[in-house]
Amino acid sequence: MPAYLDTIIAAHRSRAAQDDRDVEATFEQAIGSGPVRSFAEAVRSSAATRGMAVISEIKRRSPSKGDLDLALDPALVAKDYEAGGAACLSVLTDHDFFGGSPDDLRSARSASSLPVLRKDFTVSALDVCDARAMGADAVLLIVAALSDAELTAFLSLARRCSLTAVVEVHDHRELERGLDAGAEVVGVNQRDLRTFEVDHRRALELGEMIPADVVAIAESGIAGAEDVQRLAAVGYRGVLVGETLVRAGDRRAAVADLLGTGA
C-alpha cells in the first residue's frame, strides 16, 4: 500500500522549508484576528447534553477515496451540519491531496456559529499561526508526523494563539508521546495514515488508556449511530466524521442520525 502520510508530510515540509516569514511577527498578526470559539468546550458540552459531540468534516476529496464532492459549497454544508446537531466543524485546507483551501474554512466558519478545526498537516510554527490567522479555533497535530520537540513546541504555540490543539494518535506509543507532551484533547484516528486502512479496534483499545480529564475524540471509519454508541461507551466524547457525511444525500439528517435524533 502507498505510504500516504510520508508523501504528504514530505510535501508539506518541503513547502515549509521555503517559507521565510518571521514566526513572532506572524504570531502577532495572527492573534489580531477575531475572537476564538472554544472547540474543546463545545465537545464537552455536546457530550454532556447529547451523549456525544459530532465533529462534521468538510472535504472535497481524499488520496484513498478520490473525489467526494469537488463542487460542494462549504457555507451550505456548514449550515446543514449545524442544523443537524453538529458540535464543531473540521475543514480540510490542504489543496494538493484533499482539494481544500483556507477559503473553505473561512466560508464554513462565517456561515455557522460552530468552532472549526483546521484539518491539515501541521509541520511548522507558521502552520499554527496560519491556522489562527485564517479563523480556525483548533489546529491538528499529528504525532506520527512530528518529533517530540516539535509536538511540545506546537502545543505551546497553539495555547499562545488561544487555539485548541487536537493531538492525533494511531497507537499506544503515539498516545504516550501525546500525553507526555501535555495534550488536553486527543484524537484517535482509526485510519492508518500510512496505508489509509481502517481498524475499528484501534479506538476501543486506546480509549481505555486516555485519562478522564483528557477530551477523547474518535476519528475515521464511523458510519452510524451504533458506531457512535460503542465509542461513547468506552469514554469518547466526540467523533469526527467525514466521508459518511460528505457523501450523504441529506447531510443534516445524516448528522442527526449519528446522534440518534433523526426521524
Protein backbone atom coordinates (compact mmCIF):
# COMPACT_ATOMS: atom_id res chain seq x y z
CA MET A 1 0.00 0.00 0.00
CA PRO A 2 1.21 3.56 -0.64
CA ALA A 3 2.76 5.43 2.30
CA TYR A 4 0.27 8.30 2.13
CA LEU A 5 1.38 10.10 5.29
CA ASP A 6 5.06 10.06 4.35
CA THR A 7 4.32 11.51 0.93
CA ILE A 8 2.01 14.21 2.26
CA ILE A 9 4.30 15.24 5.10
CA ALA A 10 7.32 15.39 2.80
CA ALA A 11 5.43 17.78 0.51
CA HIS A 12 4.39 19.98 3.44
CA ARG A 13 7.88 20.04 4.93
CA SER A 14 9.34 20.98 1.56
CA ARG A 15 6.92 23.89 1.33
CA ALA A 16 7.60 24.93 4.93
CA ALA A 17 11.35 24.98 4.31
CA GLN A 18 10.81 27.68 1.70
CA ASP A 19 8.66 29.86 3.98
CA ASP A 20 10.95 32.51 5.44
CA ARG A 21 8.36 34.56 7.33
CA ASP A 22 9.26 35.60 10.87
CA VAL A 23 7.36 33.46 13.38
CA GLU A 24 6.88 36.12 16.04
CA ALA A 25 5.72 38.71 13.52
CA THR A 26 3.31 36.20 12.03
CA PHE A 27 2.11 35.28 15.52
CA GLU A 28 1.39 38.92 16.37
CA GLN A 29 -0.62 39.31 13.18
CA ALA A 30 -2.49 36.07 13.80
CA ILE A 31 -3.69 36.89 17.31
CA GLY A 32 -5.13 40.12 15.97
CA SER A 33 -7.78 38.05 14.23
CA GLY A 34 -11.33 37.81 15.56
CA PRO A 35 -12.34 36.04 18.78
CA VAL A 36 -11.80 32.30 19.09
CA ARG A 37 -14.66 29.86 19.73
CA SER A 38 -13.88 27.16 22.28
CA PHE A 39 -13.59 23.89 20.39
CA ALA A 40 -12.88 21.77 23.47
CA GLU A 41 -15.78 23.26 25.41
CA ALA A 42 -18.16 22.68 22.51
CA VAL A 43 -17.19 18.99 22.51
CA ARG A 44 -17.63 18.71 26.28
CA SER A 45 -20.99 20.49 26.21
CA SER A 46 -22.44 18.37 23.41
CA ALA A 47 -21.19 15.18 25.04
CA ALA A 48 -22.89 16.19 28.28
CA THR A 49 -26.23 17.10 26.69
CA ARG A 50 -26.44 14.76 23.69
CA GLY A 51 -24.23 11.89 24.78
CA MET A 52 -21.69 12.64 22.04
CA ALA A 53 -20.27 15.53 20.05
CA VAL A 54 -20.24 15.14 16.28
CA ILE A 55 -17.40 16.99 14.58
CA SER A 56 -18.58 17.15 10.99
CA GLU A 57 -15.94 17.35 8.30
CA ILE A 58 -15.90 19.30 5.07
CA LYS A 59 -13.60 17.82 2.46
CA ARG A 60 -13.72 17.58 -1.31
CA ARG A 61 -11.54 14.54 -1.92
CA SER A 62 -9.09 12.15 -0.27
CA PRO A 63 -6.00 10.30 -1.52
CA SER A 64 -7.57 6.89 -0.91
CA LYS A 65 -11.20 7.54 -1.89
CA GLY A 66 -10.68 10.04 -4.68
CA ASP A 67 -13.27 12.74 -5.35
CA LEU A 68 -16.05 13.03 -2.76
CA ASP A 69 -17.73 16.29 -3.79
CA LEU A 70 -15.46 18.72 -5.60
CA ALA A 71 -18.27 21.23 -6.10
CA LEU A 72 -19.51 21.39 -2.51
CA ASP A 73 -20.29 24.81 -1.05
CA PRO A 74 -18.60 24.96 2.38
CA ALA A 75 -21.10 27.52 3.69
CA LEU A 76 -24.13 25.44 2.77
CA VAL A 77 -22.56 22.25 4.10
CA ALA A 78 -21.68 24.00 7.37
CA LYS A 79 -25.28 25.19 7.77
CA ASP A 80 -26.61 21.68 7.14
CA TYR A 81 -24.21 20.21 9.68
CA GLU A 82 -25.13 22.78 12.32
CA ALA A 83 -28.85 22.25 11.73
CA GLY A 84 -28.36 18.52 12.19
CA GLY A 85 -26.77 18.98 15.61
CA ALA A 86 -23.04 19.06 14.93
CA ALA A 87 -20.95 20.47 17.78
CA CYS A 88 -17.96 21.52 15.67
CA LEU A 89 -16.69 21.57 12.12
CA SER A 90 -13.49 20.15 10.65
CA VAL A 91 -12.36 21.67 7.37
CA LEU A 92 -9.61 20.34 5.12
CA THR A 93 -7.35 23.16 3.96
CA ASP A 94 -4.77 21.02 2.14
CA HIS A 95 -5.13 21.63 -1.60
CA ASP A 96 -2.78 19.18 -3.31
CA PHE A 97 -4.08 16.00 -1.68
CA PHE A 98 -7.57 16.91 -0.44
CA GLY A 99 -8.70 19.74 -2.71
CA GLY A 100 -9.27 22.12 0.19
CA SER A 101 -8.22 25.69 0.92
CA PRO A 102 -8.20 28.31 3.68
CA ASP A 103 -11.14 29.91 1.87
CA ASP A 104 -13.16 26.74 2.54
CA LEU A 105 -12.51 27.19 6.25
CA ARG A 106 -13.34 30.89 6.23
CA SER A 107 -16.56 30.28 4.33
CA ALA A 108 -17.71 27.45 6.60
CA ARG A 109 -16.93 29.34 9.80
CA SER A 110 -18.67 32.52 8.61
CA ALA A 111 -21.81 30.53 7.80
CA SER A 112 -22.16 28.91 11.23
CA SER A 113 -21.67 29.53 14.93
CA LEU A 114 -19.62 26.37 15.41
CA PRO A 115 -15.92 26.16 16.34
CA VAL A 116 -13.76 24.99 13.45
CA LEU A 117 -10.76 22.67 13.35
CA ARG A 118 -8.22 23.36 10.64
CA LYS A 119 -7.67 19.84 9.34
CA ASP A 120 -4.24 19.91 7.76
CA PHE A 121 -0.71 18.63 8.20
CA THR A 122 0.98 20.94 10.69
CA VAL A 123 4.77 20.77 10.33
CA SER A 124 5.92 24.25 11.37
CA ALA A 125 5.22 27.04 13.83
CA LEU A 126 4.00 29.12 10.92
CA ASP A 127 1.33 26.50 10.20
CA VAL A 128 -0.02 27.01 13.73
CA CYS A 129 -0.05 30.79 13.32
CA ASP A 130 -1.70 30.47 9.92
CA ALA A 131 -4.50 28.38 11.43
CA ARG A 132 -5.29 31.22 13.84
CA ALA A 133 -5.00 33.84 11.10
CA MET A 134 -7.45 32.09 8.76
CA GLY A 135 -10.06 31.89 11.52
CA ALA A 136 -9.62 28.38 12.88
CA ASP A 137 -10.45 27.65 16.51
CA ALA A 138 -8.42 24.44 16.65
CA VAL A 139 -5.34 23.03 14.99
CA LEU A 140 -4.41 19.41 14.24
CA LEU A 141 -1.10 18.00 15.47
CA ILE A 142 -0.40 14.51 14.12
CA VAL A 143 2.03 12.78 16.45
CA ALA A 144 3.29 10.44 13.71
CA ALA A 145 4.40 13.44 11.69
CA LEU A 146 6.23 15.32 14.45
CA SER A 147 9.25 14.93 16.69
CA ASP A 148 8.77 15.22 20.45
CA ALA A 149 10.35 18.68 20.37
CA GLU A 150 8.02 19.84 17.60
CA LEU A 151 4.97 18.43 19.33
CA THR A 152 5.78 20.22 22.59
CA ALA A 153 6.62 23.49 20.84
CA PHE A 154 3.48 23.48 18.67
CA LEU A 155 1.26 22.65 21.65
CA SER A 156 2.72 25.63 23.49
CA LEU A 157 2.29 27.91 20.49
CA ALA A 158 -1.30 26.76 19.98
CA ARG A 159 -2.07 27.78 23.56
CA ARG A 160 -0.47 31.19 22.96
CA CYS A 161 -2.72 31.52 19.91
CA SER A 162 -5.77 30.53 22.03
CA LEU A 163 -6.27 27.51 19.79
CA THR A 164 -7.38 24.05 20.89
CA ALA A 165 -4.76 21.52 19.80
CA VAL A 166 -6.24 18.21 18.69
CA VAL A 167 -3.37 15.77 19.13
CA GLU A 168 -3.92 12.85 16.75
CA VAL A 169 -2.58 9.39 17.56
CA HIS A 170 -2.73 5.94 15.98
CA ASP A 171 -1.18 3.58 18.53
CA HIS A 172 -0.15 3.18 22.16
CA ARG A 173 3.28 4.72 21.74
CA GLU A 174 1.91 7.79 19.99
CA LEU A 175 -0.69 8.20 22.72
CA GLU A 176 2.04 8.12 25.36
CA ARG A 177 4.01 10.74 23.44
CA GLY A 178 0.97 12.98 23.10
CA LEU A 179 0.06 12.76 26.77
CA ASP A 180 3.68 13.31 27.83
CA ALA A 181 3.71 16.49 25.73
CA GLY A 182 0.65 17.77 27.56
CA ALA A 183 -2.21 17.02 25.16
CA GLU A 184 -5.61 18.06 26.53
CA VAL A 185 -7.59 16.86 23.51
CA VAL A 186 -6.64 13.56 21.86
CA GLY A 187 -7.99 12.30 18.55
CA VAL A 188 -7.62 8.58 17.95
CA ASN A 189 -7.60 8.01 14.22
CA GLN A 190 -8.85 4.56 13.31
CA ARG A 191 -7.40 5.08 9.84
CA ASP A 192 -3.73 4.27 9.41
CA LEU A 193 -2.43 7.33 7.59
CA ARG A 194 0.36 5.31 6.00
CA THR A 195 -1.99 2.82 4.34
CA PHE A 196 -5.39 4.55 4.85
CA GLU A 197 -6.85 1.25 6.06
CA VAL A 198 -9.36 1.44 8.95
CA ASP A 199 -9.06 -0.68 12.11
CA HIS A 200 -12.17 -0.35 14.29
CA ARG A 201 -10.42 -1.95 17.26
CA ARG A 202 -7.92 0.89 17.47
CA ALA A 203 -10.19 3.44 19.17
CA LEU A 204 -11.65 0.87 21.56
CA GLU A 205 -8.21 -0.27 22.71
CA LEU A 206 -6.70 3.19 23.07
CA GLY A 207 -9.82 4.67 24.67
CA GLU A 208 -9.10 2.74 27.84
CA MET A 209 -5.70 4.44 28.12
CA ILE A 210 -6.90 8.04 27.81
CA PRO A 211 -7.24 9.83 31.19
CA ALA A 212 -10.73 11.02 32.10
CA ASP A 213 -9.65 14.66 32.17
CA VAL A 214 -8.47 14.49 28.55
CA VAL A 215 -11.11 15.03 25.86
CA ALA A 216 -11.12 11.90 23.71
CA ILE A 217 -12.26 12.05 20.08
CA ALA A 218 -12.53 9.09 17.71
CA GLU A 219 -11.81 9.69 14.04
CA SER A 220 -12.45 7.85 10.76
CA GLY A 221 -14.49 4.78 9.90
CA ILE A 222 -17.59 5.99 11.78
CA ALA A 223 -20.68 5.27 9.72
CA GLY A 224 -23.70 5.12 12.01
CA ALA A 225 -25.31 5.51 15.42
CA GLU A 226 -24.12 2.05 16.53
CA ASP A 227 -20.50 3.12 15.98
CA VAL A 228 -21.14 6.28 17.98
CA GLN A 229 -22.75 4.41 20.87
CA ARG A 230 -19.92 1.88 21.01
CA LEU A 231 -17.35 4.67 21.22
CA ALA A 232 -19.33 6.62 23.82
CA ALA A 233 -19.41 3.51 25.98
CA VAL A 234 -15.60 3.49 26.28
CA GLY A 235 -15.30 7.17 27.13
CA TYR A 236 -15.15 9.08 23.87
CA ARG A 237 -16.82 12.48 23.96
CA GLY A 238 -16.51 13.27 20.28
CA VAL A 239 -16.49 11.59 16.88
CA LEU A 240 -15.01 13.20 13.79
CA VAL A 241 -16.92 12.07 10.71
CA GLY A 242 -16.04 12.98 7.16
CA GLU A 243 -16.76 10.68 4.23
CA THR A 244 -20.08 9.38 5.60
CA LEU A 245 -21.46 12.91 5.93
CA VAL A 246 -19.97 14.41 2.77
CA ARG A 247 -21.45 11.60 0.66
CA ALA A 248 -24.87 11.75 2.37
CA GLY A 249 -27.79 12.91 0.26
CA ASP A 250 -29.22 14.76 3.27
CA ARG A 251 -26.30 15.94 5.38
CA ARG A 252 -28.48 17.48 8.06
CA ALA A 253 -30.32 14.20 8.58
CA ALA A 254 -27.05 12.24 8.48
CA VAL A 255 -25.68 14.20 11.45
CA ALA A 256 -28.94 13.76 13.35
CA ASP A 257 -28.86 10.03 12.66
CA LEU A 258 -25.39 9.75 14.19
CA LEU A 259 -26.73 11.40 17.33
CA GLY A 260 -29.84 9.23 17.34
CA THR A 261 -32.08 12.26 16.98
CA GLY A 262 -33.22 11.67 13.41
CA ALA A 263 -36.77 10.90 12.40
